[in-house]
């Protein structure tokens, strides 16, 4: 038994790969396995940088998904007080437990 090794496709396109095997006497398999491989072009990120030193105005393409920012902006202001109250409540409970641990039982 012999490993055929890796197959590398250096250019984008559609390729048909056939895997044929032979036995110890050299007889070829009558039904070789055939696979169709599609290699897509490589995506390249582009950055536009301004001239000059630090903070040159870099922007990335594509822009980040704005829907997550809209979601955080919409609900973030609502949940912030809830989280703050929850945190204060837990913090206060911990202080009581540290002062009087028998109350936590």
PDB file of N, CA and C in Angstrom:
ATOM      1  N   UNK A   1       0.843  -1.172   0.000  1.00  0.00           N
ATOM      2  CA  UNK A   1       0.000   0.000   0.000  1.00  0.00           C
ATOM      3  C   UNK A   1       0.886   1.232   0.000  1.00  0.00           C
ATOM      4  N   UNK A   2       0.571   2.180  -0.851  1.00  0.00           N
ATOM      5  CA  UNK A   2       1.402   3.368  -0.977  1.00  0.00           C
ATOM      6  C   UNK A   2       0.520   4.605  -0.924  1.00  0.00           C
ATOM      7  N   UNK A   3       0.961   5.602  -0.182  1.00  0.00           N
ATOM      8  CA  UNK A   3       0.252   6.878  -0.067  1.00  0.00           C
ATOM      9  C   UNK A   3       0.529   7.702  -1.321  1.00  0.00           C
ATOM     10  N   UNK A   4      -0.518   8.203  -1.989  1.00  0.00           N
ATOM     11  CA  UNK A   4      -0.280   8.965  -3.216  1.00  0.00           C
ATOM     12  C   UNK A   4       0.319  10.340  -2.972  1.00  0.00           C
ATOM     13  N   UNK A   5       0.182  10.900  -1.776  1.00  0.00           N
ATOM     14  CA  UNK A   5       0.740  12.218  -1.494  1.00  0.00           C
ATOM     15  C   UNK A   5      -0.261  13.328  -1.745  1.00  0.00           C
ATOM     16  N   UNK A   6       0.151  14.537  -1.452  1.00  0.00           N
ATOM     17  CA  UNK A   6      -0.715  15.707  -1.593  1.00  0.00           C
ATOM     18  C   UNK A   6      -0.764  16.171  -3.038  1.00  0.00           C
ATOM     19  N   UNK A   7      -1.904  16.714  -3.413  1.00  0.00           N
ATOM     20  CA  UNK A   7      -2.073  17.306  -4.733  1.00  0.00           C
ATOM     21  C   UNK A   7      -2.282  18.793  -4.525  1.00  0.00           C
ATOM     22  N   UNK A   8      -1.507  19.625  -5.204  1.00  0.00           N
ATOM     23  CA  UNK A   8      -1.574  21.071  -5.034  1.00  0.00           C
ATOM     24  C   UNK A   8      -2.049  21.703  -6.327  1.00  0.00           C
ATOM     25  N   UNK A   9      -3.022  22.603  -6.212  1.00  0.00           N
ATOM     26  CA  UNK A   9      -3.516  23.355  -7.359  1.00  0.00           C
ATOM     27  C   UNK A   9      -3.076  24.804  -7.178  1.00  0.00           C
ATOM     28  N   UNK A  10      -2.211  25.286  -8.058  1.00  0.00           N
ATOM     29  CA  UNK A  10      -1.649  26.628  -7.923  1.00  0.00           C
ATOM     30  C   UNK A  10      -2.494  27.713  -8.569  1.00  0.00           C
ATOM     31  N   UNK A  11      -3.459  27.342  -9.392  1.00  0.00           N
ATOM     32  CA  UNK A  11      -4.288  28.336 -10.065  1.00  0.00           C
ATOM     33  C   UNK A  11      -5.757  28.028  -9.814  1.00  0.00           C
ATOM     34  N   UNK A  12      -6.609  29.056  -9.781  1.00  0.00           N
ATOM     35  CA  UNK A  12      -8.040  28.821  -9.619  1.00  0.00           C
ATOM     36  C   UNK A  12      -8.608  28.102 -10.830  1.00  0.00           C
ATOM     37  N   UNK A  13      -9.667  27.336 -10.616  1.00  0.00           N
ATOM     38  CA  UNK A  13     -10.326  26.652 -11.722  1.00  0.00           C
ATOM     39  C   UNK A  13     -11.003  25.380 -11.268  1.00  0.00           C
ATOM     40  N   UNK A  14     -11.592  24.662 -12.228  1.00  0.00           N
ATOM     41  CA  UNK A  14     -12.227  23.371 -11.976  1.00  0.00           C
ATOM     42  C   UNK A  14     -11.306  22.271 -12.481  1.00  0.00           C
ATOM     43  N   UNK A  15     -11.072  21.280 -11.639  1.00  0.00           N
ATOM     44  CA  UNK A  15     -10.173  20.192 -11.980  1.00  0.00           C
ATOM     45  C   UNK A  15     -10.854  18.859 -11.703  1.00  0.00           C
ATOM     46  N   UNK A  16     -10.576  17.884 -12.532  1.00  0.00           N
ATOM     47  CA  UNK A  16     -11.050  16.525 -12.319  1.00  0.00           C
ATOM     48  C   UNK A  16      -9.857  15.676 -11.919  1.00  0.00           C
ATOM     49  N   UNK A  17      -9.973  15.032 -10.763  1.00  0.00           N
ATOM     50  CA  UNK A  17      -8.882  14.217 -10.234  1.00  0.00           C
ATOM     51  C   UNK A  17      -9.368  12.775 -10.192  1.00  0.00           C
ATOM     52  N   UNK A  18      -8.570  11.882 -10.748  1.00  0.00           N
ATOM     53  CA  UNK A  18      -8.899  10.461 -10.749  1.00  0.00           C
ATOM     54  C   UNK A  18      -7.872   9.719  -9.916  1.00  0.00           C
ATOM     55  N   UNK A  19      -8.367   8.916  -9.001  1.00  0.00           N
ATOM     56  CA  UNK A  19      -7.504   8.115  -8.149  1.00  0.00           C
ATOM     57  C   UNK A  19      -7.622   6.672  -8.610  1.00  0.00           C
ATOM     58  N   UNK A  20      -6.572   6.200  -9.248  1.00  0.00           N
ATOM     59  CA  UNK A  20      -6.552   4.818  -9.736  1.00  0.00           C
ATOM     60  C   UNK A  20      -5.575   4.020  -8.888  1.00  0.00           C
ATOM     61  N   UNK A  21      -5.923   2.795  -8.613  1.00  0.00           N
ATOM     62  CA  UNK A  21      -5.023   1.958  -7.826  1.00  0.00           C
ATOM     63  C   UNK A  21      -4.821   0.613  -8.520  1.00  0.00           C
ATOM     64  N   UNK A  22      -3.694   0.031  -8.216  1.00  0.00           N
ATOM     65  CA  UNK A  22      -3.356  -1.283  -8.770  1.00  0.00           C
ATOM     66  C   UNK A  22      -3.087  -2.239  -7.618  1.00  0.00           C
ATOM     67  N   UNK A  23      -3.244  -3.525  -7.905  1.00  0.00           N
ATOM     68  CA  UNK A  23      -2.947  -4.518  -6.876  1.00  0.00           C
ATOM     69  C   UNK A  23      -1.488  -4.938  -6.966  1.00  0.00           C
ATOM     70  N   UNK A  24      -1.098  -5.918  -6.168  1.00  0.00           N
ATOM     71  CA  UNK A  24       0.293  -6.368  -6.110  1.00  0.00           C
ATOM     72  C   UNK A  24       0.780  -6.926  -7.440  1.00  0.00           C
ATOM     73  N   UNK A  25      -0.141  -7.415  -8.288  1.00  0.00           N
ATOM     74  CA  UNK A  25       0.245  -7.962  -9.593  1.00  0.00           C
ATOM     75  C   UNK A  25       0.234  -6.907 -10.694  1.00  0.00           C
ATOM     76  N   UNK A  26      -0.169  -5.663 -10.342  1.00  0.00           N
ATOM     77  CA  UNK A  26      -0.184  -4.591 -11.333  1.00  0.00           C
ATOM     78  C   UNK A  26      -1.504  -4.433 -12.051  1.00  0.00           C
ATOM     79  N   UNK A  27      -2.530  -5.181 -11.645  1.00  0.00           N
ATOM     80  CA  UNK A  27      -3.840  -5.059 -12.288  1.00  0.00           C
ATOM     81  C   UNK A  27      -4.501  -3.761 -11.833  1.00  0.00           C
ATOM     82  N   UNK A  28      -5.007  -2.984 -12.790  1.00  0.00           N
ATOM     83  CA  UNK A  28      -5.627  -1.689 -12.531  1.00  0.00           C
ATOM     84  C   UNK A  28      -7.066  -1.862 -12.062  1.00  0.00           C
ATOM     85  N   UNK A  29      -7.484  -1.029 -11.138  1.00  0.00           N
ATOM     86  CA  UNK A  29      -8.867  -1.031 -10.659  1.00  0.00           C
ATOM     87  C   UNK A  29      -9.784  -0.672 -11.822  1.00  0.00           C
ATOM     88  N   UNK A  30     -10.876  -1.417 -11.975  1.00  0.00           N
ATOM     89  CA  UNK A  30     -11.773  -1.172 -13.109  1.00  0.00           C
ATOM     90  C   UNK A  30     -12.690   0.019 -12.869  1.00  0.00           C
ATOM     91  N   UNK A  31     -12.851   0.449 -11.633  1.00  0.00           N
ATOM     92  CA  UNK A  31     -13.689   1.614 -11.336  1.00  0.00           C
ATOM     93  C   UNK A  31     -12.900   2.613 -10.500  1.00  0.00           C
ATOM     94  N   UNK A  32     -12.033   3.395 -11.130  1.00  0.00           N
ATOM     95  CA  UNK A  32     -11.255   4.370 -10.360  1.00  0.00           C
ATOM     96  C   UNK A  32     -12.164   5.470  -9.792  1.00  0.00           C
ATOM     97  N   UNK A  33     -11.779   6.013  -8.658  1.00  0.00           N
ATOM     98  CA  UNK A  33     -12.532   7.098  -8.020  1.00  0.00           C
ATOM     99  C   UNK A  33     -12.202   8.412  -8.711  1.00  0.00           C
ATOM    100  N   UNK A  34     -13.234   9.175  -9.057  1.00  0.00           N
ATOM    101  CA  UNK A  34     -13.049  10.469  -9.704  1.00  0.00           C
ATOM    102  C   UNK A  34     -13.701  11.543  -8.846  1.00  0.00           C
ATOM    103  N   UNK A  35     -12.980  12.634  -8.647  1.00  0.00           N
ATOM    104  CA  UNK A  35     -13.463  13.749  -7.836  1.00  0.00           C
ATOM    105  C   UNK A  35     -13.278  15.030  -8.630  1.00  0.00           C
ATOM    106  N   UNK A  36     -14.280  15.912  -8.559  1.00  0.00           N
ATOM    107  CA  UNK A  36     -14.156  17.220  -9.205  1.00  0.00           C
ATOM    108  C   UNK A  36     -13.799  18.235  -8.120  1.00  0.00           C
ATOM    109  N   UNK A  37     -12.740  18.988  -8.352  1.00  0.00           N
ATOM    110  CA  UNK A  37     -12.234  19.955  -7.381  1.00  0.00           C
ATOM    111  C   UNK A  37     -12.377  21.351  -7.963  1.00  0.00           C
ATOM    112  N   UNK A  38     -12.956  22.264  -7.180  1.00  0.00           N
ATOM    113  CA  UNK A  38     -13.055  23.663  -7.589  1.00  0.00           C
ATOM    114  C   UNK A  38     -12.156  24.483  -6.684  1.00  0.00           C
ATOM    115  N   UNK A  39     -11.226  25.211  -7.283  1.00  0.00           N
ATOM    116  CA  UNK A  39     -10.324  26.081  -6.541  1.00  0.00           C
ATOM    117  C   UNK A  39     -10.752  27.512  -6.826  1.00  0.00           C
ATOM    118  N   UNK A  40     -11.192  28.216  -5.772  1.00  0.00           N
ATOM    119  CA  UNK A  40     -11.640  29.598  -5.920  1.00  0.00           C
ATOM    120  C   UNK A  40     -10.465  30.554  -5.886  1.00  0.00           C
ATOM    121  N   UNK A  41     -10.617  31.724  -6.507  1.00  0.00           N
ATOM    122  CA  UNK A  41      -9.552  32.726  -6.433  1.00  0.00           C
ATOM    123  C   UNK A  41      -9.348  33.183  -4.991  1.00  0.00           C
ATOM    124  N   UNK A  42      -8.150  33.570  -4.667  1.00  0.00           N
ATOM    125  CA  UNK A  42      -7.815  34.040  -3.328  1.00  0.00           C
ATOM    126  C   UNK A  42      -8.376  35.447  -3.146  1.00  0.00           C
ATOM    127  N   UNK A  43      -9.058  35.677  -2.004  1.00  0.00           N
ATOM    128  CA  UNK A  43      -9.568  37.006  -1.693  1.00  0.00           C
ATOM    129  C   UNK A  43      -8.437  37.832  -1.091  1.00  0.00           C
ATOM    130  N   UNK A  44      -8.314  39.054  -1.541  1.00  0.00           N
ATOM    131  CA  UNK A  44      -7.254  39.933  -1.060  1.00  0.00           C
ATOM    132  C   UNK A  44      -7.889  41.111  -0.336  1.00  0.00           C
ATOM    133  N   UNK A  45      -7.430  41.384   0.876  1.00  0.00           N
ATOM    134  CA  UNK A  45      -7.908  42.553   1.620  1.00  0.00           C
ATOM    135  C   UNK A  45      -7.146  43.777   1.141  1.00  0.00           C
ATOM    136  N   UNK A  46      -7.868  44.880   1.000  1.00  0.00           N
ATOM    137  CA  UNK A  46      -7.235  46.126   0.567  1.00  0.00           C
ATOM    138  C   UNK A  46      -7.320  47.147   1.690  1.00  0.00           C
ATOM    139  N   UNK A  47      -6.259  47.905   1.870  1.00  0.00           N
ATOM    140  CA  UNK A  47      -6.259  48.989   2.853  1.00  0.00           C
ATOM    141  C   UNK A  47      -5.801  50.261   2.168  1.00  0.00           C
ATOM    142  N   UNK A  48      -6.528  51.335   2.424  1.00  0.00           N
ATOM    143  CA  UNK A  48      -6.153  52.641   1.894  1.00  0.00           C
ATOM    144  C   UNK A  48      -5.545  53.435   3.034  1.00  0.00           C
ATOM    145  N   UNK A  49      -4.293  53.781   2.916  1.00  0.00           N
ATOM    146  CA  UNK A  49      -3.614  54.508   3.983  1.00  0.00           C
ATOM    147  C   UNK A  49      -3.259  55.902   3.501  1.00  0.00           C
ATOM    148  N   UNK A  50      -3.446  56.870   4.381  1.00  0.00           N
ATOM    149  CA  UNK A  50      -3.058  58.234   4.053  1.00  0.00           C
ATOM    150  C   UNK A  50      -1.555  58.393   4.170  1.00  0.00           C
ATOM    151  N   UNK A  51      -1.065  59.499   3.668  1.00  0.00           N
ATOM    152  CA  UNK A  51       0.371  59.776   3.758  1.00  0.00           C
ATOM    153  C   UNK A  51       0.691  60.313   5.141  1.00  0.00           C
ATOM    154  N   UNK A  52       1.899  60.122   5.578  1.00  0.00           N
ATOM    155  CA  UNK A  52       2.319  60.691   6.841  1.00  0.00           C
ATOM    156  C   UNK A  52       2.477  59.646   7.920  1.00  0.00           C
ATOM    157  N   UNK A  53       2.636  60.138   9.148  1.00  0.00           N
ATOM    158  CA  UNK A  53       2.918  59.276  10.283  1.00  0.00           C
ATOM    159  C   UNK A  53       1.708  58.535  10.783  1.00  0.00           C
ATOM    160  N   UNK A  54       1.748  58.200  12.072  1.00  0.00           N
ATOM    161  CA  UNK A  54       0.693  57.404  12.676  1.00  0.00           C
ATOM    162  C   UNK A  54      -0.681  58.025  12.522  1.00  0.00           C
ATOM    163  N   UNK A  55      -1.693  57.200  12.506  1.00  0.00           N
ATOM    164  CA  UNK A  55      -3.060  57.695  12.344  1.00  0.00           C
ATOM    165  C   UNK A  55      -3.305  58.195  10.943  1.00  0.00           C
ATOM    166  N   UNK A  56      -2.752  57.522   9.943  1.00  0.00           N
ATOM    167  CA  UNK A  56      -2.850  57.969   8.557  1.00  0.00           C
ATOM    168  C   UNK A  56      -4.188  57.711   7.911  1.00  0.00           C
ATOM    169  N   UNK A  57      -5.216  57.391   8.660  1.00  0.00           N
ATOM    170  CA  UNK A  57      -6.546  57.234   8.083  1.00  0.00           C
ATOM    171  C   UNK A  57      -6.739  55.922   7.357  1.00  0.00           C
ATOM    172  N   UNK A  58      -6.323  54.811   7.943  1.00  0.00           N
ATOM    173  CA  UNK A  58      -6.517  53.509   7.306  1.00  0.00           C
ATOM    174  C   UNK A  58      -7.986  53.119   7.342  1.00  0.00           C
ATOM    175  N   UNK A  59      -8.452  52.554   6.253  1.00  0.00           N
ATOM    176  CA  UNK A  59      -9.784  51.970   6.212  1.00  0.00           C
ATOM    177  C   UNK A  59      -9.657  50.599   5.589  1.00  0.00           C
ATOM    178  N   UNK A  60     -10.436  49.667   6.088  1.00  0.00           N
ATOM    179  CA  UNK A  60     -10.404  48.317   5.552  1.00  0.00           C
ATOM    180  C   UNK A  60     -11.630  48.076   4.705  1.00  0.00           C
ATOM    181  N   UNK A  61     -11.448  47.323   3.663  1.00  0.00           N
ATOM    182  CA  UNK A  61     -12.564  46.965   2.803  1.00  0.00           C
ATOM    183  C   UNK A  61     -12.693  45.454   2.837  1.00  0.00           C
ATOM    184  N   UNK A  62     -13.799  44.839   3.121  1.00  0.00           N
ATOM    185  CA  UNK A  62     -15.103  45.443   3.374  1.00  0.00           C
ATOM    186  C   UNK A  62     -15.203  46.010   4.778  1.00  0.00           C
ATOM    187  N   UNK A  63     -16.121  46.952   4.969  1.00  0.00           N
ATOM    188  CA  UNK A  63     -16.342  47.584   6.269  1.00  0.00           C
ATOM    189  C   UNK A  63     -16.939  46.569   7.240  1.00  0.00           C
ATOM    190  N   UNK A  64     -16.727  46.747   8.543  1.00  0.00           N
ATOM    191  CA  UNK A  64     -17.331  45.837   9.519  1.00  0.00           C
ATOM    192  C   UNK A  64     -18.852  45.847   9.407  1.00  0.00           C
ATOM    193  N   UNK A  65     -19.458  44.772   9.802  1.00  0.00           N
ATOM    194  CA  UNK A  65     -20.913  44.645   9.747  1.00  0.00           C
ATOM    195  C   UNK A  65     -21.542  45.681  10.667  1.00  0.00           C
ATOM    196  N   UNK A  66     -22.305  46.595  10.087  1.00  0.00           N
ATOM    197  CA  UNK A  66     -22.888  47.678  10.871  1.00  0.00           C
ATOM    198  C   UNK A  66     -24.086  47.211  11.685  1.00  0.00           C
ATOM    199  N   UNK A  67     -24.667  46.047  11.365  1.00  0.00           N
ATOM    200  CA  UNK A  67     -25.850  45.598  12.095  1.00  0.00           C
ATOM    201  C   UNK A  67     -25.526  45.299  13.555  1.00  0.00           C
ATOM    202  N   UNK A  68     -24.335  44.778  13.844  1.00  0.00           N
ATOM    203  CA  UNK A  68     -23.978  44.498  15.232  1.00  0.00           C
ATOM    204  C   UNK A  68     -23.813  45.793  16.010  1.00  0.00           C
ATOM    205  N   UNK A  69     -23.276  46.832  15.353  1.00  0.00           N
ATOM    206  CA  UNK A  69     -23.134  48.115  16.018  1.00  0.00           C
ATOM    207  C   UNK A  69     -24.498  48.729  16.301  1.00  0.00           C
ATOM    208  N   UNK A  70     -25.416  48.608  15.355  1.00  0.00           N
ATOM    209  CA  UNK A  70     -26.767  49.126  15.558  1.00  0.00           C
ATOM    210  C   UNK A  70     -27.455  48.380  16.697  1.00  0.00           C
ATOM    211  N   UNK A  71     -27.255  47.068  16.772  1.00  0.00           N
ATOM    212  CA  UNK A  71     -27.853  46.267  17.835  1.00  0.00           C
ATOM    213  C   UNK A  71     -27.315  46.682  19.202  1.00  0.00           C
ATOM    214  N   UNK A  72     -25.995  46.856  19.290  1.00  0.00           N
ATOM    215  CA  UNK A  72     -25.403  47.274  20.558  1.00  0.00           C
ATOM    216  C   UNK A  72     -25.858  48.669  20.948  1.00  0.00           C
ATOM    217  N   UNK A  73     -25.953  49.558  19.959  1.00  0.00           N
ATOM    218  CA  UNK A  73     -26.370  50.916  20.260  1.00  0.00           C
ATOM    219  C   UNK A  73     -27.822  50.950  20.716  1.00  0.00           C
ATOM    220  N   UNK A  74     -28.656  50.119  20.109  1.00  0.00           N
ATOM    221  CA  UNK A  74     -30.072  50.098  20.467  1.00  0.00           C
ATOM    222  C   UNK A  74     -30.294  49.490  21.838  1.00  0.00           C
ATOM    223  N   UNK A  75     -29.730  48.316  22.085  1.00  0.00           N
ATOM    224  CA  UNK A  75     -29.999  47.603  23.323  1.00  0.00           C
ATOM    225  C   UNK A  75     -28.949  47.829  24.398  1.00  0.00           C
ATOM    226  N   UNK A  76     -27.783  48.308  24.024  1.00  0.00           N
ATOM    227  CA  UNK A  76     -26.720  48.524  25.002  1.00  0.00           C
ATOM    228  C   UNK A  76     -27.105  49.539  26.055  1.00  0.00           C
ATOM    229  N   UNK A  77     -27.791  50.623  25.644  1.00  0.00           N
ATOM    230  CA  UNK A  77     -28.202  51.652  26.592  1.00  0.00           C
ATOM    231  C   UNK A  77     -29.270  51.125  27.547  1.00  0.00           C
ATOM    232  N   UNK A  78     -30.042  50.156  27.100  1.00  0.00           N
ATOM    233  CA  UNK A  78     -31.072  49.575  27.960  1.00  0.00           C
ATOM    234  C   UNK A  78     -30.461  48.613  28.977  1.00  0.00           C
ATOM    235  N   UNK A  79     -29.529  47.773  28.515  1.00  0.00           N
ATOM    236  CA  UNK A  79     -28.981  46.739  29.385  1.00  0.00           C
ATOM    237  C   UNK A  79     -27.901  47.246  30.336  1.00  0.00           C
ATOM    238  N   UNK A  80     -27.294  48.384  30.046  1.00  0.00           N
ATOM    239  CA  UNK A  80     -26.230  48.891  30.901  1.00  0.00           C
ATOM    240  C   UNK A  80     -26.720  49.148  32.329  1.00  0.00           C
ATOM    241  N   UNK A  81     -27.856  49.853  32.546  1.00  0.00           N
ATOM    242  CA  UNK A  81     -28.322  50.024  33.933  1.00  0.00           C
ATOM    243  C   UNK A  81     -28.687  48.701  34.605  1.00  0.00           C
ATOM    244  N   UNK A  82     -29.235  47.767  33.841  1.00  0.00           N
ATOM    245  CA  UNK A  82     -29.589  46.463  34.408  1.00  0.00           C
ATOM    246  C   UNK A  82     -28.335  45.743  34.875  1.00  0.00           C
ATOM    247  N   UNK A  83     -27.295  45.750  34.053  1.00  0.00           N
ATOM    248  CA  UNK A  83     -26.041  45.106  34.438  1.00  0.00           C
ATOM    249  C   UNK A  83     -25.406  45.807  35.629  1.00  0.00           C
ATOM    250  N   UNK A  84     -25.485  47.145  35.663  1.00  0.00           N
ATOM    251  CA  UNK A  84     -24.906  47.888  36.782  1.00  0.00           C
ATOM    252  C   UNK A  84     -25.628  47.538  38.083  1.00  0.00           C
ATOM    253  N   UNK A  85     -26.958  47.500  38.052  1.00  0.00           N
ATOM    254  CA  UNK A  85     -27.714  47.143  39.260  1.00  0.00           C
ATOM    255  C   UNK A  85     -27.423  45.713  39.697  1.00  0.00           C
ATOM    256  N   UNK A  86     -27.329  44.813  38.737  1.00  0.00           N
ATOM    257  CA  UNK A  86     -27.017  43.421  39.048  1.00  0.00           C
ATOM    258  C   UNK A  86     -25.639  43.323  39.703  1.00  0.00           C
ATOM    259  N   UNK A  87     -24.667  44.049  39.143  1.00  0.00           N
ATOM    260  CA  UNK A  87     -23.318  44.024  39.698  1.00  0.00           C
ATOM    261  C   UNK A  87     -23.269  44.597  41.100  1.00  0.00           C
ATOM    262  N   UNK A  88     -23.972  45.724  41.327  1.00  0.00           N
ATOM    263  CA  UNK A  88     -23.999  46.315  42.665  1.00  0.00           C
ATOM    264  C   UNK A  88     -24.679  45.392  43.662  1.00  0.00           C
ATOM    265  N   UNK A  89     -25.732  44.747  43.218  1.00  0.00           N
ATOM    266  CA  UNK A  89     -26.455  43.838  44.110  1.00  0.00           C
ATOM    267  C   UNK A  89     -25.568  42.654  44.511  1.00  0.00           C
ATOM    268  N   UNK A  90     -24.859  42.079  43.520  1.00  0.00           N
ATOM    269  CA  UNK A  90     -23.970  40.950  43.824  1.00  0.00           C
ATOM    270  C   UNK A  90     -22.815  41.407  44.704  1.00  0.00           C
ATOM    271  N   UNK A  91     -22.286  42.600  44.437  1.00  0.00           N
ATOM    272  CA  UNK A  91     -21.164  43.118  45.215  1.00  0.00           C
ATOM    273  C   UNK A  91     -21.605  43.341  46.657  1.00  0.00           C
ATOM    274  N   UNK A  92     -22.785  43.917  46.835  1.00  0.00           N
ATOM    275  CA  UNK A  92     -23.311  44.136  48.185  1.00  0.00           C
ATOM    276  C   UNK A  92     -23.549  42.830  48.909  1.00  0.00           C
ATOM    277  N   UNK A  93     -24.058  41.829  48.215  1.00  0.00           N
ATOM    278  CA  UNK A  93     -24.290  40.524  48.815  1.00  0.00           C
ATOM    279  C   UNK A  93     -22.980  39.899  49.262  1.00  0.00           C
ATOM    280  N   UNK A  94     -21.947  40.058  48.452  1.00  0.00           N
ATOM    281  CA  UNK A  94     -20.636  39.503  48.824  1.00  0.00           C
ATOM    282  C   UNK A  94     -20.092  40.187  50.074  1.00  0.00           C
ATOM    283  N   UNK A  95     -20.290  41.521  50.169  1.00  0.00           N
ATOM    284  CA  UNK A  95     -19.807  42.219  51.361  1.00  0.00           C
ATOM    285  C   UNK A  95     -20.535  41.725  52.608  1.00  0.00           C
ATOM    286  N   UNK A  96     -21.841  41.526  52.518  1.00  0.00           N
ATOM    287  CA  UNK A  96     -22.590  41.013  53.667  1.00  0.00           C
ATOM    288  C   UNK A  96     -22.093  39.626  54.053  1.00  0.00           C
ATOM    289  N   UNK A  97     -21.808  38.796  53.054  1.00  0.00           N
ATOM    290  CA  UNK A  97     -21.324  37.443  53.332  1.00  0.00           C
ATOM    291  C   UNK A  97     -19.957  37.470  53.991  1.00  0.00           C
ATOM    292  N   UNK A  98     -19.138  38.432  53.612  1.00  0.00           N
ATOM    293  CA  UNK A  98     -17.811  38.503  54.216  1.00  0.00           C
ATOM    294  C   UNK A  98     -17.894  39.008  55.651  1.00  0.00           C
ATOM    295  N   UNK A  99     -18.831  39.926  55.927  1.00  0.00           N
ATOM    296  CA  UNK A  99     -18.975  40.448  57.289  1.00  0.00           C
ATOM    297  C   UNK A  99     -19.650  39.432  58.212  1.00  0.00           C
ATOM    298  N   UNK A 100     -20.664  38.770  57.677  1.00  0.00           N
ATOM    299  CA  UNK A 100     -21.419  37.815  58.488  1.00  0.00           C
ATOM    300  C   UNK A 100     -21.618  36.541  57.682  1.00  0.00           C
ATOM    301  N   UNK A 101     -20.624  35.677  57.602  1.00  0.00           N
ATOM    302  CA  UNK A 101     -20.715  34.502  56.740  1.00  0.00           C
ATOM    303  C   UNK A 101     -21.827  33.548  57.121  1.00  0.00           C
ATOM    304  N   UNK A 102     -22.293  33.555  58.383  1.00  0.00           N
ATOM    305  CA  UNK A 102     -23.364  32.638  58.756  1.00  0.00           C
ATOM    306  C   UNK A 102     -24.674  32.970  58.055  1.00  0.00           C
ATOM    307  N   UNK A 103     -24.840  34.234  57.572  1.00  0.00           N
ATOM    308  CA  UNK A 103     -26.058  34.603  56.862  1.00  0.00           C
ATOM    309  C   UNK A 103     -26.110  33.995  55.463  1.00  0.00           C
ATOM    310  N   UNK A 104     -24.968  33.685  54.891  1.00  0.00           N
ATOM    311  CA  UNK A 104     -24.939  33.138  53.534  1.00  0.00           C
ATOM    312  C   UNK A 104     -25.370  31.685  53.505  1.00  0.00           C
ATOM    313  N   UNK A 105     -25.356  31.008  54.663  1.00  0.00           N
ATOM    314  CA  UNK A 105     -25.708  29.594  54.706  1.00  0.00           C
ATOM    315  C   UNK A 105     -27.138  29.387  54.631  1.00  0.00           C
TER     316      UNK A 105
END
